[in-house]
C-alpha atoms as a PDB file:
ATOM      1  CA  UNK A   1      95.526 131.948 130.321  1.00  0.00           C
ATOM      2  CA  UNK A   2      95.294 133.013 126.711  1.00  0.00           C
ATOM      3  CA  UNK A   3      98.644 130.943 125.844  1.00  0.00           C
ATOM      4  CA  UNK A   4      97.508 128.268 127.249  1.00  0.00           C
ATOM      5  CA  UNK A   5      94.161 128.134 125.253  1.00  0.00           C
ATOM      6  CA  UNK A   6      96.745 128.551 122.379  1.00  0.00           C
ATOM      7  CA  UNK A   7      98.735 126.023 123.213  1.00  0.00           C
ATOM      8  CA  UNK A   8      95.749 123.232 123.561  1.00  0.00           C
ATOM      9  CA  UNK A   9      94.613 124.613 120.051  1.00  0.00           C
ATOM     10  CA  UNK A  10      97.898 123.987 118.201  1.00  0.00           C
ATOM     11  CA  UNK A  11      98.637 120.678 120.024  1.00  0.00           C
ATOM     12  CA  UNK A  12      98.174 118.017 117.354  1.00  0.00           C
ATOM     13  CA  UNK A  13      98.867 114.837 119.261  1.00  0.00           C
ATOM     14  CA  UNK A  14      95.149 114.154 120.057  1.00  0.00           C
ATOM     15  CA  UNK A  15      94.311 114.698 116.419  1.00  0.00           C
ATOM     16  CA  UNK A  16      96.930 112.291 115.104  1.00  0.00           C
ATOM     17  CA  UNK A  17      95.314 109.213 117.847  1.00  0.00           C
ATOM     18  CA  UNK A  18      91.833 110.449 116.338  1.00  0.00           C
ATOM     19  CA  UNK A  19      92.854 109.669 112.774  1.00  0.00           C
ATOM     20  CA  UNK A  20      94.666 106.623 113.735  1.00  0.00           C
ATOM     21  CA  UNK A  21      91.708 105.452 115.316  1.00  0.00           C
ATOM     22  CA  UNK A  22      89.314 106.314 112.477  1.00  0.00           C
ATOM     23  CA  UNK A  23      91.702 104.970 110.146  1.00  0.00           C
ATOM     24  CA  UNK A  24      91.842 101.436 111.769  1.00  0.00           C
ATOM     25  CA  UNK A  25      88.001 101.526 112.127  1.00  0.00           C
ATOM     26  CA  UNK A  26      87.586 102.148 108.675  1.00  0.00           C
ATOM     27  CA  UNK A  27      89.771  99.030 107.533  1.00  0.00           C
ATOM     28  CA  UNK A  28      87.519  96.777 110.173  1.00  0.00           C
ATOM     29  CA  UNK A  29      84.776  97.709 108.579  1.00  0.00           C
ATOM     30  CA  UNK A  30      86.088  96.942 105.016  1.00  0.00           C
ATOM     31  CA  UNK A  31      87.509  93.544 106.388  1.00  0.00           C
ATOM     32  CA  UNK A  32      84.168  92.639 108.141  1.00  0.00           C
ATOM     33  CA  UNK A  33      82.525  93.311 104.456  1.00  0.00           C
ATOM     34  CA  UNK A  34      84.918  91.562 102.663  1.00  0.00           C
ATOM     35  CA  UNK A  35      85.007  88.298 104.678  1.00  0.00           C
ATOM     36  CA  UNK A  36      81.038  88.407 105.107  1.00  0.00           C
ATOM     37  CA  UNK A  37      80.780  88.619 101.231  1.00  0.00           C
ATOM     38  CA  UNK A  38      83.680  85.810 100.500  1.00  0.00           C
ATOM     39  CA  UNK A  39      81.617  83.729 103.368  1.00  0.00           C
ATOM     40  CA  UNK A  40      78.321  84.435 101.644  1.00  0.00           C
ATOM     41  CA  UNK A  41      79.823  82.695  97.890  1.00  0.00           C
ATOM     42  CA  UNK A  42      81.933  79.926  99.781  1.00  0.00           C
ATOM     43  CA  UNK A  43      78.836  79.357 101.076  1.00  0.00           C
ATOM     44  CA  UNK A  44      76.868  79.294  97.937  1.00  0.00           C
ATOM     45  CA  UNK A  45      79.650  77.184  96.455  1.00  0.00           C
ATOM     46  CA  UNK A  46      79.342  74.706  98.238  1.00  0.00           C
ATOM     47  CA  UNK A  47      75.568  74.261  98.733  1.00  0.00           C
ATOM     48  CA  UNK A  48      75.900  74.058  94.798  1.00  0.00           C
ATOM     49  CA  UNK A  49      78.352  71.070  94.905  1.00  0.00           C
ATOM     50  CA  UNK A  50      76.534  69.482  98.071  1.00  0.00           C
ATOM     51  CA  UNK A  51      73.284  69.429  95.378  1.00  0.00           C
ATOM     52  CA  UNK A  52      75.345  68.272  93.112  1.00  0.00           C
ATOM     53  CA  UNK A  53      76.541  65.175  94.551  1.00  0.00           C
ATOM     54  CA  UNK A  54      73.465  63.939  95.904  1.00  0.00           C
ATOM     55  CA  UNK A  55      71.587  64.136  92.605  1.00  0.00           C
ATOM     56  CA  UNK A  56      69.953  67.504  93.179  1.00  0.00           C
ATOM     57  CA  UNK A  57      68.076  66.923  96.560  1.00  0.00           C
ATOM     58  CA  UNK A  58      68.789  69.410  98.826  1.00  0.00           C
ATOM     59  CA  UNK A  59      70.876  69.720 101.341  1.00  0.00           C
ATOM     60  CA  UNK A  60      70.767  71.531 104.886  1.00  0.00           C
END
């Protein structure tokens, strides 16, 4: 019984899978943050262009 417990504790396969899962989750969070920021800035840029093209009247 003690040998099986020791083998379970020393097994690193599950740890590797969890590490890859955490790395994938962190990458996903970073991608979402970057895309959100870029989307907001692009929206602001297009709104500015639209306003200038429409003689300073607001765009929807």
